[in-house]
N, C-alpha and C. Protein backbone atom coordinates (compact mmCIF):
# COMPACT_ATOMS: atom_id res chain seq x y z
N MET A 1 10.70 7.53 -38.04
CA MET A 1 9.67 7.51 -39.06
C MET A 1 8.64 8.59 -38.72
N THR A 2 8.31 9.41 -39.67
CA THR A 2 7.31 10.46 -39.45
C THR A 2 6.14 10.24 -40.38
N SER A 3 4.99 10.72 -39.95
CA SER A 3 3.80 10.64 -40.79
C SER A 3 3.03 11.94 -40.63
N THR A 4 2.22 12.22 -41.61
CA THR A 4 1.41 13.43 -41.56
C THR A 4 -0.05 13.02 -41.58
N PRO A 5 -0.72 13.07 -40.40
CA PRO A 5 -2.12 12.70 -40.36
C PRO A 5 -2.98 13.75 -41.06
N ALA A 6 -4.26 13.49 -41.14
CA ALA A 6 -5.19 14.38 -41.84
C ALA A 6 -5.16 15.80 -41.28
N SER A 7 -4.79 15.95 -40.01
CA SER A 7 -4.77 17.27 -39.41
C SER A 7 -3.63 18.12 -39.94
N GLY A 8 -2.68 17.51 -40.62
CA GLY A 8 -1.56 18.25 -41.17
C GLY A 8 -0.37 18.32 -40.22
N LEU A 9 -0.51 17.81 -39.00
CA LEU A 9 0.59 17.82 -38.04
C LEU A 9 1.55 16.68 -38.35
N THR A 10 2.82 16.92 -38.16
CA THR A 10 3.80 15.88 -38.35
C THR A 10 4.01 15.16 -37.03
N VAL A 11 3.88 13.85 -37.04
CA VAL A 11 4.02 13.06 -35.82
C VAL A 11 5.19 12.10 -36.00
N ASP A 12 6.06 12.07 -35.01
CA ASP A 12 7.17 11.13 -35.02
C ASP A 12 6.70 9.86 -34.33
N SER A 13 6.35 8.85 -35.11
CA SER A 13 5.79 7.62 -34.53
C SER A 13 6.82 6.85 -33.71
N GLY A 14 8.09 7.13 -33.89
CA GLY A 14 9.12 6.48 -33.08
C GLY A 14 9.11 7.00 -31.65
N ALA A 15 8.64 8.23 -31.44
CA ALA A 15 8.61 8.82 -30.11
C ALA A 15 7.39 8.36 -29.32
N LEU A 16 6.33 7.99 -30.01
CA LEU A 16 5.12 7.53 -29.34
C LEU A 16 5.11 6.02 -29.29
N GLN A 17 4.90 5.50 -28.08
CA GLN A 17 4.80 4.06 -27.94
C GLN A 17 3.61 3.75 -27.07
N ALA A 18 2.82 2.82 -27.51
CA ALA A 18 1.67 2.41 -26.70
C ALA A 18 2.17 1.73 -25.44
N VAL A 19 1.54 2.05 -24.35
CA VAL A 19 1.90 1.44 -23.07
C VAL A 19 0.98 0.25 -22.85
N PRO A 20 1.53 -0.94 -22.64
CA PRO A 20 0.66 -2.09 -22.39
C PRO A 20 -0.02 -1.96 -21.03
N LEU A 21 -1.20 -2.52 -20.92
CA LEU A 21 -1.92 -2.51 -19.66
C LEU A 21 -1.09 -3.25 -18.61
N TYR A 22 -1.14 -2.78 -17.39
CA TYR A 22 -0.33 -3.37 -16.32
C TYR A 22 -0.82 -4.78 -15.99
N ARG A 23 0.13 -5.70 -15.90
CA ARG A 23 -0.19 -7.05 -15.42
C ARG A 23 -0.47 -6.95 -13.92
N GLN A 24 -1.30 -7.82 -13.42
CA GLN A 24 -1.68 -7.81 -12.01
C GLN A 24 -0.47 -7.93 -11.09
N ASP A 25 0.44 -8.86 -11.37
CA ASP A 25 1.61 -9.05 -10.51
C ASP A 25 2.52 -7.82 -10.54
N GLU A 26 2.64 -7.22 -11.69
CA GLU A 26 3.46 -6.03 -11.88
C GLU A 26 2.88 -4.86 -11.08
N LEU A 27 1.57 -4.66 -11.18
CA LEU A 27 0.91 -3.57 -10.47
C LEU A 27 1.01 -3.77 -8.96
N LEU A 28 0.78 -4.98 -8.49
CA LEU A 28 0.88 -5.25 -7.06
C LEU A 28 2.30 -4.99 -6.55
N ASN A 29 3.28 -5.36 -7.34
CA ASN A 29 4.67 -5.11 -6.97
C ASN A 29 4.94 -3.61 -6.84
N TRP A 30 4.46 -2.82 -7.79
CA TRP A 30 4.64 -1.36 -7.73
C TRP A 30 3.92 -0.79 -6.51
N ILE A 31 2.73 -1.28 -6.24
CA ILE A 31 1.96 -0.80 -5.09
C ILE A 31 2.73 -1.10 -3.80
N GLU A 32 3.23 -2.33 -3.67
CA GLU A 32 3.96 -2.70 -2.46
C GLU A 32 5.23 -1.88 -2.29
N GLN A 33 5.82 -1.46 -3.39
CA GLN A 33 7.03 -0.64 -3.33
C GLN A 33 6.72 0.85 -3.25
N GLY A 34 5.44 1.20 -3.34
CA GLY A 34 5.05 2.60 -3.31
C GLY A 34 5.40 3.35 -4.60
N ARG A 35 5.52 2.63 -5.71
CA ARG A 35 5.92 3.22 -6.99
C ARG A 35 4.78 3.30 -8.01
N HIS A 36 3.58 2.96 -7.63
CA HIS A 36 2.47 2.88 -8.58
C HIS A 36 2.12 4.22 -9.20
N LEU A 37 2.09 5.28 -8.43
CA LEU A 37 1.76 6.60 -9.00
C LEU A 37 2.88 7.10 -9.89
N GLN A 38 4.10 6.83 -9.48
CA GLN A 38 5.27 7.21 -10.29
C GLN A 38 5.21 6.51 -11.64
N GLN A 39 4.80 5.25 -11.65
CA GLN A 39 4.72 4.49 -12.90
C GLN A 39 3.65 5.08 -13.83
N VAL A 40 2.51 5.45 -13.27
CA VAL A 40 1.44 6.05 -14.08
C VAL A 40 1.94 7.34 -14.72
N LYS A 41 2.65 8.16 -13.93
CA LYS A 41 3.21 9.41 -14.47
C LYS A 41 4.25 9.12 -15.55
N GLN A 42 5.10 8.12 -15.28
CA GLN A 42 6.15 7.75 -16.24
C GLN A 42 5.53 7.30 -17.57
N ASP A 43 4.37 6.68 -17.49
CA ASP A 43 3.67 6.23 -18.70
C ASP A 43 2.82 7.34 -19.31
N ARG A 44 3.03 8.54 -18.88
CA ARG A 44 2.38 9.75 -19.39
C ARG A 44 0.85 9.64 -19.37
N CYS A 45 0.35 9.02 -18.34
CA CYS A 45 -1.10 8.97 -18.09
C CYS A 45 -1.88 8.28 -19.21
N GLN A 46 -1.22 7.48 -20.04
CA GLN A 46 -1.89 6.85 -21.18
C GLN A 46 -2.96 5.84 -20.78
N LEU A 47 -2.85 5.28 -19.58
CA LEU A 47 -3.77 4.21 -19.19
C LEU A 47 -4.87 4.68 -18.24
N THR A 48 -5.02 5.98 -18.09
CA THR A 48 -5.97 6.51 -17.12
C THR A 48 -7.37 5.93 -17.30
N GLN A 49 -7.89 5.92 -18.52
CA GLN A 49 -9.24 5.40 -18.75
C GLN A 49 -9.32 3.90 -18.49
N ASP A 50 -8.28 3.17 -18.87
CA ASP A 50 -8.27 1.72 -18.61
C ASP A 50 -8.26 1.44 -17.10
N ILE A 51 -7.47 2.23 -16.37
CA ILE A 51 -7.40 2.07 -14.91
C ILE A 51 -8.78 2.35 -14.30
N GLU A 52 -9.41 3.42 -14.76
CA GLU A 52 -10.74 3.79 -14.24
C GLU A 52 -11.76 2.66 -14.48
N VAL A 53 -11.77 2.10 -15.68
CA VAL A 53 -12.71 1.02 -16.00
C VAL A 53 -12.45 -0.21 -15.13
N ARG A 54 -11.19 -0.57 -14.94
CA ARG A 54 -10.87 -1.74 -14.13
C ARG A 54 -11.22 -1.52 -12.66
N ALA A 55 -11.21 -0.27 -12.24
CA ALA A 55 -11.59 0.05 -10.86
C ALA A 55 -13.10 0.13 -10.69
N GLU A 56 -13.76 0.88 -11.57
CA GLU A 56 -15.18 1.17 -11.40
C GLU A 56 -16.10 0.06 -11.91
N VAL A 57 -15.77 -0.53 -13.04
CA VAL A 57 -16.65 -1.52 -13.66
C VAL A 57 -16.26 -2.94 -13.26
N MET A 58 -14.97 -3.26 -13.44
CA MET A 58 -14.52 -4.62 -13.16
C MET A 58 -14.25 -4.85 -11.67
N LYS A 59 -14.05 -3.76 -10.92
CA LYS A 59 -13.85 -3.81 -9.47
C LYS A 59 -12.66 -4.68 -9.06
N ILE A 60 -11.56 -4.55 -9.79
CA ILE A 60 -10.33 -5.28 -9.47
C ILE A 60 -9.63 -4.52 -8.34
N PRO A 61 -9.39 -5.16 -7.18
CA PRO A 61 -8.88 -4.44 -6.02
C PRO A 61 -7.60 -3.62 -6.26
N SER A 62 -6.64 -4.18 -6.97
CA SER A 62 -5.40 -3.43 -7.19
C SER A 62 -5.66 -2.18 -8.03
N TYR A 63 -6.57 -2.28 -8.97
CA TYR A 63 -6.92 -1.11 -9.79
C TYR A 63 -7.80 -0.13 -9.00
N GLN A 64 -8.65 -0.64 -8.11
CA GLN A 64 -9.42 0.25 -7.25
C GLN A 64 -8.48 1.08 -6.38
N PHE A 65 -7.46 0.42 -5.85
CA PHE A 65 -6.48 1.12 -5.02
C PHE A 65 -5.72 2.16 -5.83
N LEU A 66 -5.24 1.75 -7.00
CA LEU A 66 -4.49 2.67 -7.87
C LEU A 66 -5.36 3.86 -8.25
N TRP A 67 -6.59 3.61 -8.68
CA TRP A 67 -7.50 4.68 -9.09
C TRP A 67 -7.79 5.60 -7.90
N GLY A 68 -8.00 5.00 -6.74
CA GLY A 68 -8.25 5.80 -5.54
C GLY A 68 -7.08 6.71 -5.21
N ASP A 69 -5.87 6.18 -5.31
CA ASP A 69 -4.67 6.98 -5.03
C ASP A 69 -4.52 8.08 -6.07
N MET A 70 -4.79 7.75 -7.34
CA MET A 70 -4.71 8.77 -8.40
C MET A 70 -5.71 9.90 -8.13
N LEU A 71 -6.93 9.54 -7.75
CA LEU A 71 -7.94 10.55 -7.46
C LEU A 71 -7.56 11.37 -6.22
N ALA A 72 -7.11 10.69 -5.18
CA ALA A 72 -6.79 11.38 -3.92
C ALA A 72 -5.71 12.43 -4.10
N TRP A 73 -4.73 12.13 -4.94
CA TRP A 73 -3.57 13.02 -5.08
C TRP A 73 -3.53 13.75 -6.42
N GLY A 74 -4.56 13.59 -7.22
CA GLY A 74 -4.63 14.32 -8.48
C GLY A 74 -3.58 13.92 -9.49
N VAL A 75 -3.31 12.63 -9.59
CA VAL A 75 -2.33 12.14 -10.56
C VAL A 75 -3.08 11.80 -11.85
N CYS A 76 -2.80 12.52 -12.91
CA CYS A 76 -3.39 12.33 -14.24
C CYS A 76 -4.89 12.64 -14.28
N ILE A 77 -5.42 13.20 -13.24
CA ILE A 77 -6.86 13.46 -13.16
C ILE A 77 -7.08 14.55 -12.12
N LYS A 78 -8.20 15.23 -12.23
CA LYS A 78 -8.54 16.27 -11.25
C LYS A 78 -8.65 15.63 -9.86
N PRO A 79 -8.02 16.22 -8.84
CA PRO A 79 -8.07 15.62 -7.51
C PRO A 79 -9.49 15.54 -6.95
N ASN A 80 -9.78 14.42 -6.31
CA ASN A 80 -11.05 14.23 -5.61
C ASN A 80 -10.75 13.28 -4.45
N ALA A 81 -10.28 13.85 -3.34
CA ALA A 81 -9.84 13.05 -2.20
C ALA A 81 -10.95 12.16 -1.66
N GLU A 82 -12.16 12.69 -1.59
CA GLU A 82 -13.27 11.91 -1.04
C GLU A 82 -13.54 10.65 -1.86
N LEU A 83 -13.61 10.81 -3.17
CA LEU A 83 -13.83 9.66 -4.05
C LEU A 83 -12.61 8.73 -4.03
N GLY A 84 -11.42 9.32 -3.96
CA GLY A 84 -10.21 8.51 -3.90
C GLY A 84 -10.18 7.60 -2.69
N VAL A 85 -10.51 8.15 -1.53
CA VAL A 85 -10.53 7.35 -0.30
C VAL A 85 -11.62 6.28 -0.39
N LYS A 86 -12.75 6.60 -1.03
CA LYS A 86 -13.81 5.61 -1.22
C LYS A 86 -13.29 4.41 -2.01
N PHE A 87 -12.53 4.67 -3.08
CA PHE A 87 -11.98 3.57 -3.87
C PHE A 87 -10.94 2.78 -3.08
N MET A 88 -10.15 3.47 -2.25
CA MET A 88 -9.20 2.76 -1.39
C MET A 88 -9.95 1.83 -0.45
N TRP A 89 -11.08 2.32 0.10
CA TRP A 89 -11.91 1.48 0.97
C TRP A 89 -12.47 0.28 0.20
N ASP A 90 -12.89 0.50 -1.04
CA ASP A 90 -13.40 -0.61 -1.86
C ASP A 90 -12.34 -1.70 -1.98
N ALA A 91 -11.09 -1.30 -2.22
CA ALA A 91 -9.99 -2.27 -2.33
C ALA A 91 -9.72 -2.94 -0.99
N ALA A 92 -9.74 -2.16 0.08
CA ALA A 92 -9.51 -2.70 1.42
C ALA A 92 -10.59 -3.71 1.80
N ASN A 93 -11.82 -3.40 1.45
CA ASN A 93 -12.93 -4.30 1.77
C ASN A 93 -12.86 -5.62 0.99
N GLN A 94 -12.05 -5.64 -0.06
CA GLN A 94 -11.82 -6.90 -0.79
C GLN A 94 -10.54 -7.59 -0.29
N GLY A 95 -9.93 -7.03 0.77
CA GLY A 95 -8.78 -7.67 1.40
C GLY A 95 -7.43 -7.31 0.82
N LEU A 96 -7.32 -6.23 0.05
CA LEU A 96 -6.03 -5.83 -0.50
C LEU A 96 -5.19 -5.21 0.61
N ALA A 97 -4.14 -5.94 1.03
CA ALA A 97 -3.32 -5.53 2.17
C ALA A 97 -2.73 -4.12 2.03
N PRO A 98 -2.19 -3.73 0.87
CA PRO A 98 -1.66 -2.36 0.77
C PRO A 98 -2.74 -1.29 0.98
N ALA A 99 -3.97 -1.57 0.60
CA ALA A 99 -5.06 -0.61 0.83
C ALA A 99 -5.37 -0.53 2.32
N LEU A 100 -5.42 -1.67 2.98
CA LEU A 100 -5.64 -1.69 4.43
C LEU A 100 -4.54 -0.92 5.14
N GLU A 101 -3.29 -1.16 4.72
CA GLU A 101 -2.15 -0.47 5.35
C GLU A 101 -2.21 1.02 5.12
N GLN A 102 -2.46 1.43 3.89
CA GLN A 102 -2.46 2.87 3.59
C GLN A 102 -3.58 3.58 4.33
N LEU A 103 -4.77 3.00 4.35
CA LEU A 103 -5.87 3.60 5.10
C LEU A 103 -5.54 3.64 6.59
N GLY A 104 -4.94 2.56 7.10
CA GLY A 104 -4.53 2.55 8.50
C GLY A 104 -3.55 3.67 8.81
N ARG A 105 -2.60 3.87 7.92
CA ARG A 105 -1.61 4.94 8.09
C ARG A 105 -2.28 6.31 8.01
N TYR A 106 -3.22 6.46 7.07
CA TYR A 106 -3.93 7.74 6.94
C TYR A 106 -4.72 8.07 8.21
N TYR A 107 -5.40 7.08 8.78
CA TYR A 107 -6.15 7.32 10.02
C TYR A 107 -5.21 7.52 11.20
N TRP A 108 -4.05 6.91 11.17
CA TRP A 108 -3.05 7.05 12.23
C TRP A 108 -2.46 8.46 12.22
N LYS A 109 -2.13 8.95 11.03
CA LYS A 109 -1.45 10.24 10.88
C LYS A 109 -2.42 11.40 10.63
N GLY A 110 -3.66 11.10 10.28
CA GLY A 110 -4.61 12.16 9.94
C GLY A 110 -4.39 12.71 8.54
N THR A 111 -4.01 11.85 7.60
CA THR A 111 -3.80 12.24 6.21
C THR A 111 -5.10 12.04 5.43
N LEU A 112 -5.61 13.09 4.85
CA LEU A 112 -6.86 13.10 4.06
C LEU A 112 -8.11 12.83 4.90
N VAL A 113 -7.97 12.20 6.03
CA VAL A 113 -9.09 11.87 6.91
C VAL A 113 -8.76 12.38 8.32
N GLN A 114 -9.76 12.45 9.17
CA GLN A 114 -9.51 12.82 10.56
C GLN A 114 -8.84 11.66 11.27
N LYS A 115 -7.94 11.98 12.19
CA LYS A 115 -7.28 10.92 12.97
C LYS A 115 -8.34 10.07 13.66
N ASP A 116 -8.15 8.78 13.57
CA ASP A 116 -9.04 7.83 14.24
C ASP A 116 -8.17 6.63 14.58
N LEU A 117 -7.63 6.65 15.80
CA LEU A 117 -6.66 5.63 16.18
C LEU A 117 -7.26 4.24 16.26
N LEU A 118 -8.52 4.13 16.61
CA LEU A 118 -9.16 2.82 16.65
C LEU A 118 -9.26 2.21 15.25
N LYS A 119 -9.69 3.03 14.28
CA LYS A 119 -9.72 2.56 12.88
C LYS A 119 -8.32 2.22 12.41
N ALA A 120 -7.36 3.09 12.76
CA ALA A 120 -5.97 2.88 12.34
C ALA A 120 -5.45 1.53 12.85
N GLU A 121 -5.71 1.24 14.12
CA GLU A 121 -5.27 -0.03 14.70
C GLU A 121 -5.90 -1.22 13.98
N THR A 122 -7.19 -1.17 13.78
CA THR A 122 -7.91 -2.27 13.14
C THR A 122 -7.38 -2.54 11.74
N LEU A 123 -7.22 -1.47 10.96
CA LEU A 123 -6.75 -1.61 9.58
C LEU A 123 -5.31 -2.10 9.52
N MET A 124 -4.44 -1.51 10.35
CA MET A 124 -3.02 -1.87 10.30
C MET A 124 -2.82 -3.31 10.77
N ARG A 125 -3.53 -3.69 11.82
CA ARG A 125 -3.40 -5.06 12.32
C ARG A 125 -3.84 -6.06 11.25
N GLU A 126 -4.93 -5.75 10.56
CA GLU A 126 -5.41 -6.65 9.50
C GLU A 126 -4.39 -6.76 8.37
N ALA A 127 -3.83 -5.63 7.95
CA ALA A 127 -2.82 -5.65 6.88
C ALA A 127 -1.59 -6.43 7.32
N ALA A 128 -1.19 -6.27 8.58
CA ALA A 128 -0.04 -7.01 9.11
C ALA A 128 -0.33 -8.51 9.14
N SER A 129 -1.55 -8.87 9.52
CA SER A 129 -1.91 -10.29 9.59
C SER A 129 -1.90 -10.96 8.22
N LEU A 130 -2.08 -10.15 7.17
CA LEU A 130 -2.06 -10.68 5.80
C LEU A 130 -0.64 -10.81 5.26
N GLY A 131 0.35 -10.48 6.09
CA GLY A 131 1.74 -10.66 5.69
C GLY A 131 2.35 -9.48 4.97
N PHE A 132 1.69 -8.33 4.98
CA PHE A 132 2.22 -7.15 4.29
C PHE A 132 3.31 -6.53 5.16
N GLN A 133 4.53 -6.61 4.68
CA GLN A 133 5.72 -6.24 5.45
C GLN A 133 5.66 -4.81 6.01
N ARG A 134 5.31 -3.85 5.18
CA ARG A 134 5.26 -2.46 5.65
C ARG A 134 4.28 -2.34 6.82
N ALA A 135 3.15 -3.04 6.73
CA ALA A 135 2.15 -3.00 7.80
C ALA A 135 2.68 -3.69 9.06
N GLN A 136 3.43 -4.77 8.90
CA GLN A 136 3.98 -5.45 10.07
C GLN A 136 4.92 -4.53 10.83
N ILE A 137 5.73 -3.78 10.11
CA ILE A 137 6.65 -2.83 10.74
C ILE A 137 5.86 -1.70 11.40
N GLU A 138 4.91 -1.13 10.68
CA GLU A 138 4.13 -0.02 11.23
C GLU A 138 3.27 -0.46 12.41
N TRP A 139 2.77 -1.69 12.38
CA TRP A 139 1.96 -2.19 13.49
C TRP A 139 2.80 -2.26 14.76
N VAL A 140 4.02 -2.75 14.65
CA VAL A 140 4.91 -2.78 15.83
C VAL A 140 5.21 -1.36 16.29
N GLU A 141 5.44 -0.44 15.35
CA GLU A 141 5.67 0.97 15.73
C GLU A 141 4.46 1.52 16.48
N MET A 142 3.27 1.20 16.03
CA MET A 142 2.06 1.67 16.70
C MET A 142 1.97 1.10 18.11
N LEU A 143 2.27 -0.18 18.25
CA LEU A 143 2.24 -0.80 19.58
C LEU A 143 3.26 -0.14 20.50
N LEU A 144 4.43 0.17 19.98
CA LEU A 144 5.47 0.82 20.79
C LEU A 144 5.09 2.24 21.19
N GLN A 145 4.16 2.83 20.45
CA GLN A 145 3.67 4.17 20.79
C GLN A 145 2.48 4.11 21.75
N GLY A 146 2.14 2.91 22.20
CA GLY A 146 1.08 2.78 23.18
C GLY A 146 -0.29 2.45 22.60
N MET A 147 -0.35 2.22 21.32
CA MET A 147 -1.63 1.86 20.71
C MET A 147 -1.83 0.35 20.85
N GLY A 148 -3.01 -0.11 20.51
CA GLY A 148 -3.28 -1.53 20.62
C GLY A 148 -3.29 -1.95 22.08
N SER A 149 -2.92 -3.17 22.32
CA SER A 149 -2.94 -3.73 23.67
C SER A 149 -1.72 -4.64 23.84
N PRO A 150 -1.23 -4.79 25.07
CA PRO A 150 -0.15 -5.76 25.30
C PRO A 150 -0.52 -7.16 24.82
N LEU A 151 -1.81 -7.44 24.72
CA LEU A 151 -2.24 -8.75 24.20
C LEU A 151 -1.89 -8.91 22.72
N ASP A 152 -1.64 -7.80 22.03
CA ASP A 152 -1.27 -7.84 20.61
C ASP A 152 0.22 -8.09 20.39
N TYR A 153 1.02 -7.94 21.44
CA TYR A 153 2.48 -7.98 21.28
C TYR A 153 2.99 -9.29 20.70
N GLU A 154 2.53 -10.40 21.26
CA GLU A 154 3.06 -11.70 20.85
C GLU A 154 2.82 -11.97 19.37
N GLU A 155 1.61 -11.71 18.93
CA GLU A 155 1.27 -11.94 17.52
C GLU A 155 2.07 -11.00 16.61
N ALA A 156 2.15 -9.72 16.98
CA ALA A 156 2.89 -8.74 16.18
C ALA A 156 4.37 -9.12 16.13
N TYR A 157 4.90 -9.58 17.26
CA TYR A 157 6.30 -10.01 17.31
C TYR A 157 6.51 -11.18 16.35
N HIS A 158 5.59 -12.13 16.40
CA HIS A 158 5.69 -13.30 15.52
C HIS A 158 5.68 -12.90 14.05
N TRP A 159 4.73 -12.04 13.67
CA TRP A 159 4.62 -11.65 12.26
C TRP A 159 5.89 -10.99 11.77
N LEU A 160 6.43 -10.05 12.54
CA LEU A 160 7.62 -9.33 12.09
C LEU A 160 8.85 -10.22 12.16
N HIS A 161 8.93 -11.06 13.19
CA HIS A 161 10.07 -11.96 13.33
C HIS A 161 10.11 -12.99 12.20
N SER A 162 8.95 -13.38 11.70
CA SER A 162 8.86 -14.43 10.68
C SER A 162 9.00 -13.91 9.25
N THR A 163 8.94 -12.60 9.06
CA THR A 163 8.98 -12.07 7.71
C THR A 163 10.41 -12.05 7.17
N VAL A 164 10.55 -12.28 5.89
CA VAL A 164 11.86 -12.25 5.22
C VAL A 164 12.06 -10.84 4.68
N ILE A 165 13.16 -10.20 5.08
CA ILE A 165 13.43 -8.81 4.69
C ILE A 165 14.78 -8.77 3.98
N GLY A 166 14.75 -8.52 2.68
CA GLY A 166 15.97 -8.49 1.88
C GLY A 166 16.75 -7.20 1.99
N ASP A 167 16.10 -6.10 2.29
CA ASP A 167 16.74 -4.80 2.39
C ASP A 167 17.45 -4.68 3.75
N LYS A 168 18.77 -4.40 3.71
CA LYS A 168 19.57 -4.38 4.95
C LYS A 168 19.08 -3.34 5.95
N ALA A 169 18.83 -2.13 5.47
CA ALA A 169 18.41 -1.06 6.38
C ALA A 169 17.05 -1.38 7.01
N LEU A 170 16.15 -1.92 6.21
CA LEU A 170 14.83 -2.29 6.72
C LEU A 170 14.94 -3.46 7.70
N HIS A 171 15.85 -4.38 7.41
CA HIS A 171 16.08 -5.52 8.29
C HIS A 171 16.58 -5.03 9.65
N GLN A 172 17.50 -4.07 9.64
CA GLN A 172 18.02 -3.51 10.90
C GLN A 172 16.92 -2.79 11.66
N LYS A 173 16.08 -2.07 10.94
CA LYS A 173 14.96 -1.37 11.58
C LYS A 173 14.04 -2.38 12.26
N ALA A 174 13.72 -3.47 11.55
CA ALA A 174 12.85 -4.51 12.11
C ALA A 174 13.49 -5.14 13.34
N THR A 175 14.79 -5.39 13.28
CA THR A 175 15.52 -5.96 14.42
C THR A 175 15.41 -5.05 15.63
N GLY A 176 15.59 -3.75 15.40
CA GLY A 176 15.48 -2.78 16.49
C GLY A 176 14.07 -2.74 17.08
N LEU A 177 13.07 -2.77 16.21
CA LEU A 177 11.69 -2.76 16.67
C LEU A 177 11.36 -4.02 17.47
N LEU A 178 11.85 -5.17 16.99
CA LEU A 178 11.62 -6.42 17.72
C LEU A 178 12.28 -6.39 19.09
N SER A 179 13.46 -5.82 19.16
CA SER A 179 14.17 -5.70 20.43
C SER A 179 13.37 -4.84 21.41
N ARG A 180 12.88 -3.70 20.92
CA ARG A 180 12.10 -2.80 21.78
C ARG A 180 10.79 -3.44 22.21
N LEU A 181 10.13 -4.13 21.28
CA LEU A 181 8.88 -4.81 21.63
C LEU A 181 9.16 -5.95 22.61
N GLY A 182 10.24 -6.68 22.37
CA GLY A 182 10.63 -7.78 23.25
C GLY A 182 10.89 -7.32 24.68
N ASN A 183 11.37 -6.09 24.84
CA ASN A 183 11.61 -5.55 26.18
C ASN A 183 10.31 -5.38 26.96
N ARG A 184 9.19 -5.38 26.29
CA ARG A 184 7.88 -5.22 26.94
C ARG A 184 7.18 -6.55 27.15
N MET A 185 7.84 -7.64 26.74
CA MET A 185 7.20 -8.95 26.77
C MET A 185 7.95 -9.89 27.71
N PRO A 186 7.23 -10.81 28.37
CA PRO A 186 7.93 -11.83 29.16
C PRO A 186 8.67 -12.79 28.23
N ALA A 187 9.72 -13.40 28.73
CA ALA A 187 10.57 -14.29 27.93
C ALA A 187 9.77 -15.43 27.30
N ASN A 188 8.81 -15.99 28.05
CA ASN A 188 8.05 -17.12 27.49
C ASN A 188 7.17 -16.68 26.32
N ALA A 189 6.69 -15.44 26.32
CA ALA A 189 5.88 -14.93 25.20
C ALA A 189 6.76 -14.76 23.97
N ILE A 190 7.98 -14.28 24.16
CA ILE A 190 8.93 -14.14 23.03
C ILE A 190 9.24 -15.51 22.45
N ALA A 191 9.48 -16.49 23.33
CA ALA A 191 9.78 -17.85 22.87
C ALA A 191 8.61 -18.42 22.07
N ARG A 192 7.39 -18.22 22.55
CA ARG A 192 6.21 -18.70 21.82
C ARG A 192 6.09 -18.01 20.46
N ALA A 193 6.32 -16.70 20.44
CA ALA A 193 6.21 -15.94 19.19
C ALA A 193 7.22 -16.43 18.17
N LYS A 194 8.42 -16.74 18.62
CA LYS A 194 9.47 -17.23 17.72
C LYS A 194 9.17 -18.65 17.24
N ALA A 195 8.48 -19.44 18.06
CA ALA A 195 8.21 -20.84 17.73
C ALA A 195 6.98 -21.03 16.85
N MET A 196 6.11 -20.02 16.76
CA MET A 196 4.89 -20.14 15.96
C MET A 196 5.22 -20.38 14.50
N HIS A 197 4.31 -21.08 13.81
CA HIS A 197 4.48 -21.29 12.36
C HIS A 197 3.37 -20.65 11.62
């Protein structure tokens, strides 16, 4: 179906489809899978203003994180890394585990911010404690690289050992990390970590 608006341009209304606003569960799922920016691009940036309002005015953590990531990497908007990281911090300060994990990773690797291993440890440990699988894996990797403290091993072992991992490759990676971490722990600490609920 085509129509001719007042401007005289012919528009194919079948090609244009309004994109519904993201449901909270849907957005969180994309964030956890690392697909949120890809989804915004796939939707041809139609929701940019809605995302901005939900981040800046309504202060919804998942939207603050999304908006921050969009700003940091210039997705559908002029890049502004400083403001982007600020919005990621806003989401992290409200307890959004993916924001805590991403900031922890950024401080660990020195992405967009200067390396700060103490901040990285604090953020990653918090995200792992909230049950965020990617953070649990990265936290154990950080411990194996000598970060944190041996006092963190038992808790980190418990978190990763207790998580359900449906992806086979990721499950094998977690098994390998647990084995390596277990080699640094006494047998009774491993037993306690496995027995925790």
